[in-house]
C-alpha atoms as a PDB file:
ATOM      1  CA  MET A   1       0.000   0.000   0.000  1.00  0.00           C
ATOM      2  CA  THR A   2       1.135   3.541  -0.616  1.00  0.00           C
ATOM      3  CA  GLU A   3       1.028   6.538   1.656  1.00  0.00           C
ATOM      4  CA  ALA A   4      -0.932   8.456  -0.973  1.00  0.00           C
ATOM      5  CA  LEU A   5      -3.705   5.894  -0.654  1.00  0.00           C
ATOM      6  CA  GLU A   6      -3.874   6.364   3.096  1.00  0.00           C
ATOM      7  CA  ILE A   7      -3.917  10.141   2.729  1.00  0.00           C
ATOM      8  CA  ARG A   8      -6.699   9.830   0.159  1.00  0.00           C
ATOM      9  CA  LEU A   9      -8.734   7.649   2.520  1.00  0.00           C
ATOM     10  CA  VAL A  10      -8.249  10.141   5.341  1.00  0.00           C
ATOM     11  CA  GLY A  11      -9.251  13.008   3.054  1.00  0.00           C
ATOM     12  CA  LEU A  12     -12.350  11.131   1.956  1.00  0.00           C
ATOM     13  CA  ARG A  13     -13.300  10.474   5.576  1.00  0.00           C
ATOM     14  CA  ASP A  14     -12.824  14.165   6.370  1.00  0.00           C
ATOM     15  CA  ARG A  15     -15.071  15.103   3.448  1.00  0.00           C
ATOM     16  CA  VAL A  16     -17.769  12.682   4.561  1.00  0.00           C
ATOM     17  CA  ALA A  17     -17.564  14.058   8.094  1.00  0.00           C
ATOM     18  CA  LEU A  18     -17.999  17.581   6.751  1.00  0.00           C
ATOM     19  CA  LEU A  19     -20.939  16.567   4.578  1.00  0.00           C
ATOM     20  CA  TYR A  20     -22.660  14.751   7.422  1.00  0.00           C
ATOM     21  CA  GLY A  21     -21.703  17.461   9.899  1.00  0.00           C
END
């Protein structure tokens, strides 16, 4: 696995958290 993948997953989670508030 690459670090970029982990960062992307974290970013996606952050976006979902922002959308769901």
